[in-house]
Amino acid sequence: MFLPVSKEELEQRAVKSVDFVLVTGDAYIDHCSFGTAIIGRVLERYGYSVAILSQPNWKDCSDFKRFGKPRLGFLIGSGNIDSMVNHYSVNKKRRKQDAYTEGGVIGKRPDRAVIVYSGLARAAYKDVPIIIGGIEASLRRLAHYDYWDNKVRRSILIDSGADLLLYGMSETSVVELAQALESGIDVKHITFIAGTTYKTKTLDMVYEGIELPTYEAASQNKIEYCKSFVIQYNNTDAYTAKPLIESYGKMGYVVQNPPSKPLTTLELDDIYELPFMNAPHPIYTQEIPAIKEILFSITSNRGCFGSCSFCALTFHQGRTVQGRSENSMIEEATKMTLHPKFKGYIHDVGGPTANFSQAQCTKAVTHGTCRNKKCLYPAPCKSMNIDHTVYMRTLRKIREIKGIKKVFVRSGIRYDYLLADKNSKAIIKELATYHVSGQLRIAPEHIADNALRHMGKPKREVYEKFTNMFSNETKKIGKEQYVVPYFMSSHPGATLEDAVELALYLKKIQHIPEQVQDFYPTPSTLATCMYYTELDPFTLEKVYVAKSVEEKAMQRALLQYNKKENYSLVYKAIVRCNRNDLIGNSNKCLIRRK
């Protein structure tokens, strides 16, 4: 059965008073790729009744009364995607489609959905605990730079008026919360759960806390903002983090508890083996675009030790990778073959990074990740346990299941990690033979050393070594397959000269990207901190940032230098870089002279 979405469905389950109402900005898809479904199923497993309030009308609070007064609380999130990213492009233009809505229709959720939904829940029932979570709340749990307002906003806990915030992957913390509320503890006294952020007027119950720069200081002084970011960044590990305290003057404090412990393999298996229906709720008659890729994909891991500057995973899922067992994934794949829409193709076996299937080292799971070192940058740490054996064996076993024709790997290969494996050649050969169909998509993001340094990505030589090995192995097996690289323009630190260098590289390899991603400053990433402050927060050294509309357009245009509509921008960029030698009729030129 699906989780209830109406009063009638609650009554069919003989539930007179629902424990929790889960509010989401997405259409309700009961699948383990959707946080709302996971939290709902986890609570259900522990005996709590749950109802899903999906994409409620936000013009008034009537939808928030649909199930009656929840016994324990509202659990509110924006859905699988930040509502502002969902609604606006990097140019702050309104998007035309929402992949998480029936029919792809835009406008079914409000801007800043968590804040709006929290206000409506409070209007519906003034005395019901309101708990916020999910990606939108998680990355705004403390003072943060907001790209859309172009200012430092307060913790979303304050702006939403919610009682408590669950950050990160919240399965363990939401169960602890439910048990605390069930036992009669007032939500304002629930200050002891890992993976939560709360408001308080006094610090009497905060032990070994680290005081961040005050909100006032961080919002008015960019160096103070950098100091706050570094402290937060260094306290994202469950084993080493301390409570963080952010003062809001007369309003009191926002306190972030250390993160929840990473799940064990058994715990992760248990979650992905919950009784999901693996489909949208029957109330929907049109397709929900987001289901296409994930319906026949298998999540193999969580967390990421890649530490790319533009990625928020360090703050949300953490750096310690948690992997599922072979048996759990094989069982899931076997069940897929029974699905009426399954045609023999598994679209992906992976996670944030496909080939991170286990923790990076023993220390990470016993004492925590290193504070002052990255696992892969500038080179793979010598203490890492680099071993693809289990991941590759799992892929083999899945592709041998009756009814499965092909198993793809599409969630991204971290090629520097793969190359550090002593069996890298054999792994690449097997991937090329069985798990790629024409194109292998990877993300070097740039090729200029300066840009890569600010991104925290491996050098160009590492990328080229991988592509050469993949090309060679592909030729040996008699296939025509290619690496399709993703590149990013206007990342903090990347100059116009870097963009010209990338354009020349693209010309050399005869590749023009179909799509180019402009850097998008989303909350709580290292790159966003650099974008806002124009400083490296760890060294306070100046960082070049392309902020003008014109330069951002030039960097983007250089990646597609051959398009007629980009000619004037490419011309202007080349002249500005004093590279007039790249304008003319010779093969070395990017554009012809008019």
Protein backbone atom coordinates (compact mmCIF):
# COMPACT_ATOMS: atom_id res chain seq x y z
CA MET A 1 0.00 0.00 0.00
CA PHE A 2 0.97 3.59 -0.60
CA LEU A 3 1.24 5.95 2.35
CA PRO A 4 -2.09 7.82 2.77
CA VAL A 5 -2.60 11.06 0.83
CA SER A 6 -6.22 11.65 1.90
CA LYS A 7 -8.49 11.41 4.92
CA GLU A 8 -10.24 8.49 3.23
CA GLU A 9 -7.01 6.53 2.90
CA LEU A 10 -6.27 7.15 6.58
CA GLU A 11 -9.69 5.78 7.49
CA GLN A 12 -9.05 2.68 5.35
CA ARG A 13 -6.08 2.03 7.63
CA ALA A 14 -8.25 2.64 10.69
CA VAL A 15 -6.15 5.65 11.70
CA LYS A 16 -8.24 8.16 13.63
CA SER A 17 -5.46 10.58 14.52
CA VAL A 18 -2.34 10.59 12.36
CA ASP A 19 1.00 10.89 14.16
CA PHE A 20 2.89 12.86 11.49
CA VAL A 21 1.97 14.78 8.37
CA LEU A 22 4.86 14.86 5.89
CA VAL A 23 4.68 17.98 3.73
CA THR A 24 6.57 17.98 0.42
CA GLY A 25 6.88 20.21 -2.63
CA ASP A 26 7.16 17.14 -4.89
CA ALA A 27 4.51 14.88 -6.27
CA TYR A 28 4.40 11.76 -4.09
CA ILE A 29 6.44 8.92 -5.59
CA ASP A 30 6.85 5.96 -3.26
CA HIS A 31 10.44 5.15 -4.20
CA CYS A 32 13.68 5.03 -2.23
CA SER A 33 15.15 7.87 -4.32
CA PHE A 34 12.74 10.31 -2.67
CA GLY A 35 13.42 11.54 0.85
CA THR A 36 9.75 11.95 1.74
CA ALA A 37 9.06 8.30 0.90
CA ILE A 38 12.07 7.11 2.91
CA ILE A 39 11.17 9.12 6.02
CA GLY A 40 7.55 8.04 5.76
CA ARG A 41 8.44 4.36 5.44
CA VAL A 42 11.00 4.51 8.26
CA LEU A 43 8.43 6.04 10.64
CA GLU A 44 5.84 3.50 9.53
CA ARG A 45 8.27 0.68 10.32
CA TYR A 46 8.65 1.98 13.86
CA GLY A 47 4.90 1.97 14.37
CA TYR A 48 4.02 5.59 13.65
CA SER A 49 1.15 6.57 11.38
CA VAL A 50 2.06 8.93 8.55
CA ALA A 51 0.17 10.91 5.93
CA ILE A 52 1.67 12.62 2.87
CA LEU A 53 0.64 16.19 2.08
CA SER A 54 2.06 16.55 -1.41
CA GLN A 55 2.26 19.93 -3.17
CA PRO A 56 -0.40 21.59 -0.99
CA ASN A 57 -2.11 24.79 -2.02
CA TRP A 58 -0.10 27.59 -0.40
CA LYS A 59 -2.68 30.35 -0.80
CA ASP A 60 -4.27 29.42 2.52
CA CYS A 61 -3.88 26.79 5.24
CA SER A 62 -6.89 24.62 4.37
CA ASP A 63 -4.79 21.77 2.90
CA PHE A 64 -2.82 21.62 6.14
CA LYS A 65 -6.05 20.64 7.91
CA ARG A 66 -6.78 17.78 5.47
CA PHE A 67 -5.83 15.02 7.90
CA GLY A 68 -6.91 16.77 11.06
CA LYS A 69 -4.49 17.79 13.79
CA PRO A 70 -1.37 15.57 13.70
CA ARG A 71 -0.71 13.98 17.08
CA LEU A 72 3.06 14.50 17.08
CA GLY A 73 3.92 17.03 14.42
CA PHE A 74 4.39 18.31 10.88
CA LEU A 75 7.54 17.19 9.05
CA ILE A 76 8.18 19.75 6.31
CA GLY A 77 10.52 19.74 3.31
CA SER A 78 10.66 21.31 -0.13
CA GLY A 79 11.07 17.92 -1.85
CA ASN A 80 14.06 16.33 -3.54
CA ILE A 81 15.24 19.67 -4.88
CA ASP A 82 15.71 23.14 -3.45
CA SER A 83 12.64 25.19 -4.43
CA MET A 84 14.72 28.14 -5.65
CA VAL A 85 16.93 25.94 -7.83
CA ASN A 86 13.78 24.20 -9.01
CA HIS A 87 12.23 27.50 -10.09
CA TYR A 88 15.15 29.58 -11.38
CA SER A 89 18.07 29.12 -13.75
CA VAL A 90 21.52 30.42 -12.87
CA ASN A 91 20.51 33.59 -14.73
CA LYS A 92 17.59 33.90 -12.31
CA LYS A 93 15.10 33.30 -15.12
CA ARG A 94 11.96 31.32 -14.36
CA ARG A 95 12.19 27.70 -15.49
CA LYS A 96 9.47 26.24 -17.69
CA GLN A 97 9.34 22.72 -16.28
CA ASP A 98 9.37 20.96 -12.92
CA ALA A 99 10.54 17.35 -13.26
CA TYR A 100 9.11 16.48 -9.84
CA THR A 101 5.53 17.45 -10.73
CA GLU A 102 2.85 15.56 -12.66
CA GLY A 103 3.11 16.48 -16.32
CA GLY A 104 6.26 18.51 -15.64
CA VAL A 105 4.12 21.53 -14.80
CA ILE A 106 5.91 24.43 -13.11
CA GLY A 107 4.43 26.36 -10.21
CA LYS A 108 3.06 23.61 -7.98
CA ARG A 109 5.28 24.70 -5.09
CA PRO A 110 6.11 28.18 -3.77
CA ASP A 111 9.49 29.90 -3.72
CA ARG A 112 11.24 29.17 -0.41
CA ALA A 113 8.81 26.31 0.10
CA VAL A 114 9.99 25.34 3.59
CA ILE A 115 9.34 28.81 4.96
CA VAL A 116 5.93 29.10 3.30
CA TYR A 117 4.78 25.62 4.32
CA SER A 118 5.92 26.17 7.92
CA GLY A 119 3.90 29.36 8.14
CA LEU A 120 0.79 27.61 6.86
CA ALA A 121 1.22 24.69 9.25
CA ARG A 122 1.49 27.17 12.13
CA ALA A 123 -1.63 28.98 10.93
CA ALA A 124 -3.52 25.68 10.78
CA TYR A 125 -2.54 24.47 14.26
CA LYS A 126 -0.64 26.86 16.48
CA ASP A 127 0.43 24.28 19.08
CA VAL A 128 1.63 21.43 16.81
CA PRO A 129 5.43 20.90 16.59
CA ILE A 130 6.87 21.90 13.22
CA ILE A 131 10.05 20.11 12.17
CA ILE A 132 11.80 21.02 8.92
CA GLY A 133 14.31 18.98 6.94
CA GLY A 134 15.44 17.87 3.50
CA ILE A 135 17.93 19.54 1.18
CA GLU A 136 16.46 23.06 1.37
CA ALA A 137 16.50 23.21 5.16
CA SER A 138 19.68 21.19 5.61
CA LEU A 139 21.88 23.58 3.63
CA ARG A 140 20.33 26.67 5.25
CA ARG A 141 20.58 25.52 8.84
CA LEU A 142 22.93 28.38 9.78
CA ALA A 143 23.56 31.84 8.32
CA HIS A 144 24.22 31.41 4.59
CA TYR A 145 24.77 33.44 1.45
CA ASP A 146 21.62 33.47 -0.66
CA TYR A 147 22.28 33.94 -4.39
CA TRP A 148 18.72 34.91 -5.23
CA ASP A 149 18.57 37.74 -2.66
CA ASN A 150 22.31 38.43 -2.99
CA LYS A 151 22.73 38.69 0.76
CA VAL A 152 23.47 36.60 3.84
CA ARG A 153 20.21 35.25 5.19
CA ARG A 154 19.48 34.01 8.68
CA SER A 155 19.14 30.37 9.61
CA ILE A 156 16.01 28.98 7.99
CA LEU A 157 15.03 27.78 11.45
CA ILE A 158 14.41 31.41 12.37
CA ASP A 159 12.86 32.54 9.09
CA SER A 160 10.46 29.58 8.99
CA GLY A 161 9.40 29.80 12.63
CA ALA A 162 9.85 26.03 12.89
CA ASP A 163 10.63 24.35 16.20
CA LEU A 164 13.43 22.02 15.08
CA LEU A 165 15.52 21.27 12.00
CA LEU A 166 16.78 17.84 10.94
CA TYR A 167 19.78 18.06 8.64
CA GLY A 168 21.52 15.54 6.46
CA MET A 169 20.09 12.06 5.91
CA SER A 170 17.69 11.95 8.80
CA GLU A 171 16.47 8.37 9.26
CA THR A 172 18.00 7.88 12.71
CA SER A 173 17.30 11.40 13.96
CA VAL A 174 13.64 11.34 12.89
CA VAL A 175 13.05 8.10 14.82
CA GLU A 176 14.72 9.56 17.93
CA LEU A 177 12.58 12.66 17.50
CA ALA A 178 9.39 10.61 17.20
CA GLN A 179 10.26 8.64 20.32
CA ALA A 180 11.01 11.81 22.27
CA LEU A 181 7.71 13.43 21.25
CA GLU A 182 5.85 10.17 21.99
CA SER A 183 7.32 10.13 25.49
CA GLY A 184 5.85 13.56 26.16
CA ILE A 185 8.96 15.74 25.89
CA ASP A 186 8.06 19.23 24.69
CA VAL A 187 9.69 19.94 21.33
CA LYS A 188 11.43 23.00 22.78
CA HIS A 189 13.32 20.68 25.13
CA ILE A 190 14.46 18.29 22.40
CA THR A 191 17.99 19.61 22.14
CA PHE A 192 19.95 16.38 22.44
CA ILE A 193 19.53 14.58 19.10
CA ALA A 194 22.47 14.31 16.71
CA GLY A 195 21.77 15.72 13.25
CA THR A 196 19.46 18.46 14.56
CA THR A 197 19.57 22.23 14.85
CA TYR A 198 17.50 24.08 17.43
CA LYS A 199 16.80 27.55 18.85
CA THR A 200 17.54 28.49 22.44
CA LYS A 201 17.62 31.57 24.65
CA THR A 202 20.38 30.17 26.86
CA LEU A 203 23.51 28.08 26.39
CA ASP A 204 23.25 26.36 29.77
CA MET A 205 22.75 22.95 28.14
CA VAL A 206 25.37 23.31 25.38
CA TYR A 207 28.60 21.48 26.20
CA GLU A 208 31.93 21.95 24.39
CA GLY A 209 30.21 24.21 21.88
CA ILE A 210 32.13 26.36 19.39
CA GLU A 211 30.86 29.90 18.94
CA LEU A 212 30.62 31.02 15.34
CA PRO A 213 30.81 34.69 14.39
CA THR A 214 27.43 36.20 15.18
CA TYR A 215 24.85 36.48 12.41
CA GLU A 216 25.31 40.25 12.46
CA ALA A 217 29.09 39.91 12.00
CA ALA A 218 28.87 37.23 9.32
CA SER A 219 26.25 39.15 7.36
CA GLN A 220 28.21 42.41 7.37
CA ASN A 221 31.84 41.31 7.17
CA LYS A 222 33.08 38.87 4.53
CA ILE A 223 36.12 37.81 6.53
CA GLU A 224 33.84 36.92 9.44
CA TYR A 225 31.66 34.99 7.01
CA CYS A 226 34.73 33.06 5.87
CA LYS A 227 35.67 32.29 9.47
CA SER A 228 32.18 30.95 10.11
CA PHE A 229 32.28 28.80 6.96
CA VAL A 230 35.63 27.21 7.89
CA ILE A 231 34.40 26.29 11.37
CA GLN A 232 31.26 24.74 9.87
CA TYR A 233 33.27 22.89 7.22
CA ASN A 234 35.58 21.45 9.87
CA ASN A 235 32.64 20.23 11.92
CA THR A 236 30.75 18.09 9.41
CA ASP A 237 32.05 14.74 10.67
CA ALA A 238 29.98 12.78 13.17
CA TYR A 239 33.03 11.60 15.13
CA THR A 240 34.91 14.87 15.47
CA ALA A 241 32.31 17.65 15.23
CA LYS A 242 31.40 19.88 18.15
CA PRO A 243 28.12 21.73 18.69
CA LEU A 244 28.11 25.04 16.78
CA ILE A 245 26.57 28.16 18.27
CA GLU A 246 25.35 31.14 16.22
CA SER A 247 24.13 34.21 18.08
CA TYR A 248 21.17 36.27 16.87
CA GLY A 249 21.36 38.93 19.58
CA LYS A 250 18.11 39.45 21.48
CA MET A 251 16.51 36.61 19.52
CA GLY A 252 18.84 34.10 21.19
CA TYR A 253 20.93 31.39 19.56
CA VAL A 254 20.75 28.74 16.89
CA VAL A 255 22.68 25.62 17.92
CA GLN A 256 23.75 22.87 15.54
CA ASN A 257 24.38 19.49 17.12
CA PRO A 258 27.03 17.20 15.58
CA PRO A 259 25.83 15.10 12.62
CA SER A 260 24.21 11.69 12.96
CA LYS A 261 26.58 8.74 12.72
CA PRO A 262 26.95 7.21 9.23
CA LEU A 263 24.72 4.20 8.73
CA THR A 264 26.20 0.73 8.72
CA THR A 265 25.78 -1.48 5.67
CA LEU A 266 23.06 -3.44 7.47
CA GLU A 267 21.19 -0.25 8.40
CA LEU A 268 21.44 1.06 4.84
CA ASP A 269 20.20 -2.26 3.45
CA ASP A 270 17.25 -2.18 5.84
CA ILE A 271 16.18 1.23 4.55
CA TYR A 272 16.35 0.31 0.87
CA GLU A 273 14.47 -2.92 1.53
CA LEU A 274 11.43 -1.17 3.05
CA PRO A 275 8.13 -1.91 1.23
CA PHE A 276 8.23 0.88 -1.35
CA MET A 277 5.64 0.66 -4.14
CA ASN A 278 8.25 1.96 -6.63
CA ALA A 279 5.68 4.08 -8.42
CA PRO A 280 3.85 7.40 -8.22
CA HIS A 281 0.66 7.37 -6.18
CA PRO A 282 -2.38 6.39 -8.31
CA ILE A 283 -3.88 9.87 -7.92
CA TYR A 284 -1.57 10.97 -10.76
CA THR A 285 -2.71 10.32 -14.32
CA GLN A 286 0.17 12.01 -16.16
CA GLU A 287 3.85 11.06 -16.06
CA ILE A 288 6.16 12.64 -13.49
CA PRO A 289 9.43 13.21 -15.44
CA ALA A 290 11.75 12.52 -12.46
CA ILE A 291 10.66 8.87 -12.34
CA LYS A 292 12.20 8.02 -15.72
CA GLU A 293 15.83 7.59 -14.72
CA ILE A 294 15.40 6.43 -11.15
CA LEU A 295 12.69 3.79 -11.52
CA PHE A 296 15.18 1.18 -12.73
CA SER A 297 18.29 2.51 -11.01
CA ILE A 298 19.94 1.11 -7.89
CA THR A 299 21.43 3.29 -5.15
CA SER A 300 24.65 1.60 -4.06
CA ASN A 301 26.10 4.18 -1.68
CA ARG A 302 25.79 7.45 0.21
CA GLY A 303 28.26 10.15 1.10
CA CYS A 304 31.21 11.39 -0.93
CA PHE A 305 34.87 11.98 -0.12
CA GLY A 306 35.47 13.75 -3.44
CA SER A 307 35.10 17.17 -1.75
CA CYS A 308 34.51 19.12 -4.98
CA SER A 309 34.26 22.82 -4.11
CA PHE A 310 30.92 23.30 -5.87
CA CYS A 311 29.18 20.35 -4.21
CA ALA A 312 27.13 20.47 -1.01
CA LEU A 313 27.48 16.77 -0.15
CA THR A 314 30.09 17.50 2.53
CA PHE A 315 27.44 19.46 4.45
CA HIS A 316 24.49 17.19 3.64
CA GLN A 317 25.52 13.52 3.40
CA GLY A 318 29.04 13.90 4.78
CA ARG A 319 32.41 12.65 3.58
CA THR A 320 32.19 9.10 4.89
CA VAL A 321 30.89 6.77 2.20
CA GLN A 322 28.31 4.20 3.29
CA GLY A 323 27.78 1.25 0.94
CA ARG A 324 25.02 -1.32 0.58
CA SER A 325 25.69 -5.04 0.50
CA GLU A 326 25.86 -7.11 -2.68
CA ASN A 327 22.91 -9.23 -1.63
CA SER A 328 20.66 -6.24 -1.02
CA MET A 329 21.38 -4.75 -4.45
CA ILE A 330 21.03 -8.11 -6.20
CA GLU A 331 17.67 -8.64 -4.52
CA GLU A 332 16.51 -5.19 -5.63
CA ALA A 333 17.63 -5.86 -9.21
CA THR A 334 15.82 -9.21 -9.21
CA LYS A 335 12.59 -7.53 -8.09
CA MET A 336 12.95 -5.01 -10.93
CA THR A 337 12.69 -7.80 -13.49
CA LEU A 338 9.13 -8.45 -12.24
CA HIS A 339 8.02 -4.84 -12.84
CA PRO A 340 5.53 -4.63 -15.73
CA LYS A 341 7.43 -1.72 -17.32
CA PHE A 342 10.89 -3.29 -17.03
CA LYS A 343 12.48 -3.95 -20.43
CA GLY A 344 15.76 -5.45 -19.31
CA TYR A 345 17.81 -2.31 -18.74
CA ILE A 346 19.08 -1.05 -15.38
CA HIS A 347 19.91 2.61 -15.88
CA ASP A 348 22.46 2.99 -13.11
CA VAL A 349 24.13 1.33 -10.14
CA GLY A 350 25.72 4.09 -8.11
CA GLY A 351 25.27 7.06 -5.85
CA PRO A 352 26.79 10.54 -5.57
CA THR A 353 29.83 8.89 -7.17
CA ALA A 354 29.31 5.46 -8.73
CA ASN A 355 32.65 3.87 -7.84
CA PHE A 356 32.74 5.02 -4.20
CA SER A 357 31.26 1.83 -2.77
CA GLN A 358 32.97 1.78 0.63
CA ALA A 359 34.48 4.09 3.23
CA GLN A 360 37.73 5.70 2.17
CA CYS A 361 39.76 4.27 5.06
CA THR A 362 39.42 2.56 8.43
CA LYS A 363 40.03 5.82 10.28
CA ALA A 364 36.99 7.45 8.67
CA VAL A 365 34.60 4.92 10.23
CA THR A 366 36.27 4.74 13.63
CA HIS A 367 37.69 8.20 14.33
CA GLY A 368 36.29 10.40 11.57
CA THR A 369 37.64 12.04 8.43
CA CYS A 370 40.72 14.25 8.44
CA ARG A 371 39.98 17.91 9.08
CA ASN A 372 42.89 19.46 7.24
CA LYS A 373 43.28 17.00 4.37
CA LYS A 374 41.16 15.93 1.42
CA CYS A 375 41.04 12.30 0.41
CA LEU A 376 41.66 12.84 -3.31
CA TYR A 377 43.01 16.36 -3.76
CA PRO A 378 45.65 17.23 -4.81
CA ALA A 379 46.32 13.47 -5.12
CA PRO A 380 44.76 10.33 -3.60
CA CYS A 381 45.78 9.89 0.03
CA LYS A 382 48.20 7.00 0.60
CA SER A 383 46.08 5.78 3.50
CA MET A 384 43.02 5.22 1.31
CA ASN A 385 41.63 1.75 0.79
CA ILE A 386 41.22 1.88 -2.99
CA ASP A 387 39.48 -1.28 -4.07
CA HIS A 388 36.75 -1.78 -6.68
CA THR A 389 36.45 -5.53 -6.11
CA VAL A 390 33.04 -5.56 -4.42
CA TYR A 391 31.52 -2.96 -6.75
CA MET A 392 32.63 -4.76 -9.91
CA ARG A 393 31.57 -8.15 -8.53
CA THR A 394 28.13 -6.71 -7.78
CA LEU A 395 27.81 -5.40 -11.34
CA ARG A 396 28.74 -8.87 -12.66
CA LYS A 397 26.17 -10.61 -10.51
CA ILE A 398 23.43 -8.14 -11.46
CA ARG A 399 24.05 -8.49 -15.19
CA GLU A 400 23.80 -12.29 -14.83
CA ILE A 401 20.26 -12.11 -13.42
CA LYS A 402 17.70 -13.64 -15.76
CA GLY A 403 15.75 -10.91 -17.55
CA ILE A 404 18.47 -8.25 -17.35
CA LYS A 405 19.97 -7.31 -20.71
CA LYS A 406 22.26 -4.43 -19.73
CA VAL A 407 23.47 -2.69 -16.58
CA PHE A 408 24.62 0.88 -17.12
CA VAL A 409 26.81 3.05 -14.91
CA ARG A 410 25.61 6.64 -15.32
CA SER A 411 26.00 8.40 -11.96
CA GLY A 412 29.59 9.37 -12.61
CA ILE A 413 32.98 7.74 -12.29
CA ARG A 414 35.63 9.46 -10.19
CA TYR A 415 38.48 8.65 -12.56
CA ASP A 416 41.37 9.69 -10.30
CA TYR A 417 40.17 7.21 -7.68
CA LEU A 418 39.75 4.50 -10.32
CA LEU A 419 43.23 5.10 -11.76
CA ALA A 420 44.72 4.74 -8.28
CA ASP A 421 43.42 1.15 -8.16
CA LYS A 422 46.14 -1.36 -9.08
CA ASN A 423 43.57 -3.11 -11.28
CA SER A 424 42.46 0.04 -13.09
CA LYS A 425 43.11 -1.32 -16.58
CA ALA A 426 40.95 -4.38 -16.02
CA ILE A 427 38.20 -2.27 -14.43
CA ILE A 428 38.12 0.14 -17.37
CA LYS A 429 38.01 -2.79 -19.79
CA GLU A 430 35.05 -4.33 -17.98
CA LEU A 431 33.18 -1.02 -17.80
CA ALA A 432 33.77 -0.43 -21.52
CA THR A 433 32.67 -3.97 -22.39
CA TYR A 434 29.52 -4.29 -20.31
CA HIS A 435 28.41 -1.03 -18.71
CA VAL A 436 28.63 1.68 -21.37
CA SER A 437 26.49 2.11 -24.45
CA GLY A 438 28.16 4.54 -26.82
CA GLN A 439 28.97 7.24 -24.28
CA LEU A 440 30.58 7.35 -20.84
CA ARG A 441 29.78 10.60 -19.10
CA ILE A 442 32.35 11.95 -16.65
CA ALA A 443 32.94 15.38 -15.16
CA PRO A 444 36.44 16.85 -15.43
CA GLU A 445 34.67 20.27 -15.15
CA HIS A 446 37.69 22.15 -16.60
CA ILE A 447 41.21 21.56 -17.88
CA ALA A 448 43.03 24.74 -16.79
CA ASP A 449 45.16 24.10 -13.68
CA ASN A 450 44.07 27.35 -12.07
CA ALA A 451 40.36 26.55 -12.42
CA LEU A 452 40.83 22.92 -11.33
CA ARG A 453 42.70 24.01 -8.21
CA HIS A 454 39.77 26.14 -7.10
CA MET A 455 37.34 23.34 -7.95
CA GLY A 456 39.31 20.71 -6.03
CA LYS A 457 39.41 18.51 -9.14
CA PRO A 458 42.30 16.39 -10.50
CA LYS A 459 44.67 17.83 -13.07
CA ARG A 460 44.16 17.62 -16.81
CA GLU A 461 46.83 14.93 -17.14
CA VAL A 462 44.81 12.58 -14.94
CA TYR A 463 41.69 13.11 -17.06
CA GLU A 464 43.64 12.52 -20.27
CA LYS A 465 45.21 9.35 -18.90
CA PHE A 466 41.76 7.98 -18.14
CA THR A 467 40.27 8.92 -21.51
CA ASN A 468 43.24 7.37 -23.34
CA MET A 469 42.90 4.14 -21.38
CA PHE A 470 39.16 4.01 -22.01
CA SER A 471 39.67 4.67 -25.73
CA ASN A 472 42.31 1.95 -25.99
CA GLU A 473 40.22 -0.64 -24.18
CA THR A 474 37.17 0.26 -26.28
CA LYS A 475 39.11 -0.24 -29.49
CA LYS A 476 40.43 -3.60 -28.29
CA ILE A 477 36.90 -4.93 -27.82
CA GLY A 478 35.85 -3.59 -31.23
CA LYS A 479 33.33 -1.01 -30.04
CA GLU A 480 32.84 2.62 -30.98
CA GLN A 481 32.40 4.42 -27.66
CA TYR A 482 33.40 7.82 -26.40
CA VAL A 483 33.97 9.72 -23.18
CA VAL A 484 31.56 12.65 -22.99
CA PRO A 485 32.97 15.25 -20.57
CA TYR A 486 30.96 17.76 -18.57
CA PHE A 487 32.48 21.22 -18.20
CA MET A 488 31.55 24.17 -16.02
CA SER A 489 31.98 27.85 -16.81
CA SER A 490 32.51 30.80 -14.45
CA HIS A 491 33.46 28.78 -11.37
CA PRO A 492 35.08 30.99 -8.70
CA GLY A 493 38.77 31.27 -9.49
CA ALA A 494 38.28 30.52 -13.21
CA THR A 495 39.44 33.42 -15.36
CA LEU A 496 38.59 34.38 -18.92
CA GLU A 497 42.06 33.17 -19.89
CA ASP A 498 41.18 29.78 -18.36
CA ALA A 499 38.05 29.68 -20.49
CA VAL A 500 40.11 30.41 -23.64
CA GLU A 501 42.45 27.55 -22.68
CA LEU A 502 39.46 25.24 -22.32
CA ALA A 503 38.08 26.34 -25.71
CA LEU A 504 41.42 25.52 -27.36
CA TYR A 505 41.40 22.11 -25.71
CA LEU A 506 37.89 21.44 -26.99
CA LYS A 507 39.03 22.39 -30.47
CA LYS A 508 42.01 20.06 -30.17
CA ILE A 509 39.85 17.05 -29.20
CA GLN A 510 37.12 18.10 -31.64
CA HIS A 511 34.39 18.15 -29.07
CA ILE A 512 31.73 20.81 -28.55
CA PRO A 513 29.55 20.25 -25.46
CA GLU A 514 25.84 20.05 -26.14
CA GLN A 515 25.20 21.57 -22.74
CA VAL A 516 27.30 23.90 -20.61
CA GLN A 517 26.68 24.37 -16.90
CA ASP A 518 27.32 27.84 -15.52
CA PHE A 519 28.40 27.76 -11.90
CA TYR A 520 25.31 28.05 -9.70
CA PRO A 521 25.98 29.47 -6.19
CA THR A 522 23.81 27.26 -4.00
CA PRO A 523 23.90 27.45 -0.18
CA SER A 524 26.68 25.90 1.92
CA THR A 525 29.27 25.03 -0.71
CA LEU A 526 32.90 26.10 -0.60
CA ALA A 527 32.55 27.57 -4.09
CA THR A 528 29.55 29.67 -3.03
CA CYS A 529 31.57 31.04 -0.13
CA MET A 530 34.32 31.99 -2.61
CA TYR A 531 31.75 33.49 -4.98
CA TYR A 532 30.26 35.72 -2.30
CA THR A 533 33.40 36.78 -0.47
CA GLU A 534 35.91 36.63 -3.38
CA LEU A 535 38.24 35.01 -0.85
CA ASP A 536 39.54 31.52 -0.20
CA PRO A 537 38.02 31.04 3.27
CA PHE A 538 40.90 28.80 4.42
CA THR A 539 43.72 31.17 3.47
CA LEU A 540 41.83 34.47 3.02
CA GLU A 541 43.70 34.91 -0.26
CA LYS A 542 41.90 36.84 -3.00
CA VAL A 543 39.91 34.72 -5.48
CA TYR A 544 38.95 35.99 -8.90
CA VAL A 545 35.20 35.68 -9.53
CA ALA A 546 33.39 36.33 -12.81
CA LYS A 547 30.26 38.13 -11.66
CA SER A 548 29.29 40.42 -14.52
CA VAL A 549 26.60 39.13 -16.86
CA GLU A 550 28.88 39.85 -19.81
CA GLU A 551 31.91 37.91 -18.59
CA LYS A 552 29.82 34.96 -17.48
CA ALA A 553 28.28 34.93 -20.96
CA MET A 554 31.75 35.08 -22.53
CA GLN A 555 33.06 32.16 -20.49
CA ARG A 556 30.01 30.13 -21.42
CA ALA A 557 30.20 31.08 -25.11
CA LEU A 558 33.85 30.01 -25.35
CA LEU A 559 32.84 26.44 -24.57
CA GLN A 560 30.62 26.54 -27.68
CA TYR A 561 32.86 28.81 -29.72
CA ASN A 562 31.66 27.45 -33.07
CA LYS A 563 28.05 28.59 -32.71
CA LYS A 564 27.13 31.57 -34.85
CA GLU A 565 25.14 33.18 -32.06
CA ASN A 566 28.26 33.12 -29.85
CA TYR A 567 30.58 34.83 -32.34
CA SER A 568 30.48 38.35 -30.88
CA LEU A 569 30.98 37.10 -27.31
CA VAL A 570 33.88 34.83 -28.32
CA TYR A 571 35.45 37.66 -30.34
CA LYS A 572 35.20 40.05 -27.40
CA ALA A 573 36.69 37.46 -25.01
CA ILE A 574 39.64 36.73 -27.31
CA VAL A 575 40.43 40.42 -27.74
CA ARG A 576 40.14 41.05 -24.00
CA CYS A 577 42.68 38.25 -23.40
CA ASN A 578 45.06 39.69 -26.01
CA ARG A 579 44.76 36.53 -28.08
CA ASN A 580 44.06 38.05 -31.48
CA ASP A 581 46.10 35.18 -32.93
CA LEU A 582 43.01 33.04 -32.38
CA ILE A 583 40.99 35.09 -34.90
CA GLY A 584 41.61 34.15 -38.51
CA ASN A 585 41.46 31.36 -41.07
CA SER A 586 44.18 29.00 -39.85
CA ASN A 587 43.45 25.73 -38.04
CA LYS A 588 44.74 27.13 -34.76
CA CYS A 589 42.06 29.85 -34.68
CA LEU A 590 38.83 29.62 -32.73
CA ILE A 591 36.83 31.93 -35.00
CA ARG A 592 37.24 33.40 -38.45
CA ARG A 593 37.83 37.07 -39.07
CA LYS A 594 34.81 38.81 -40.55
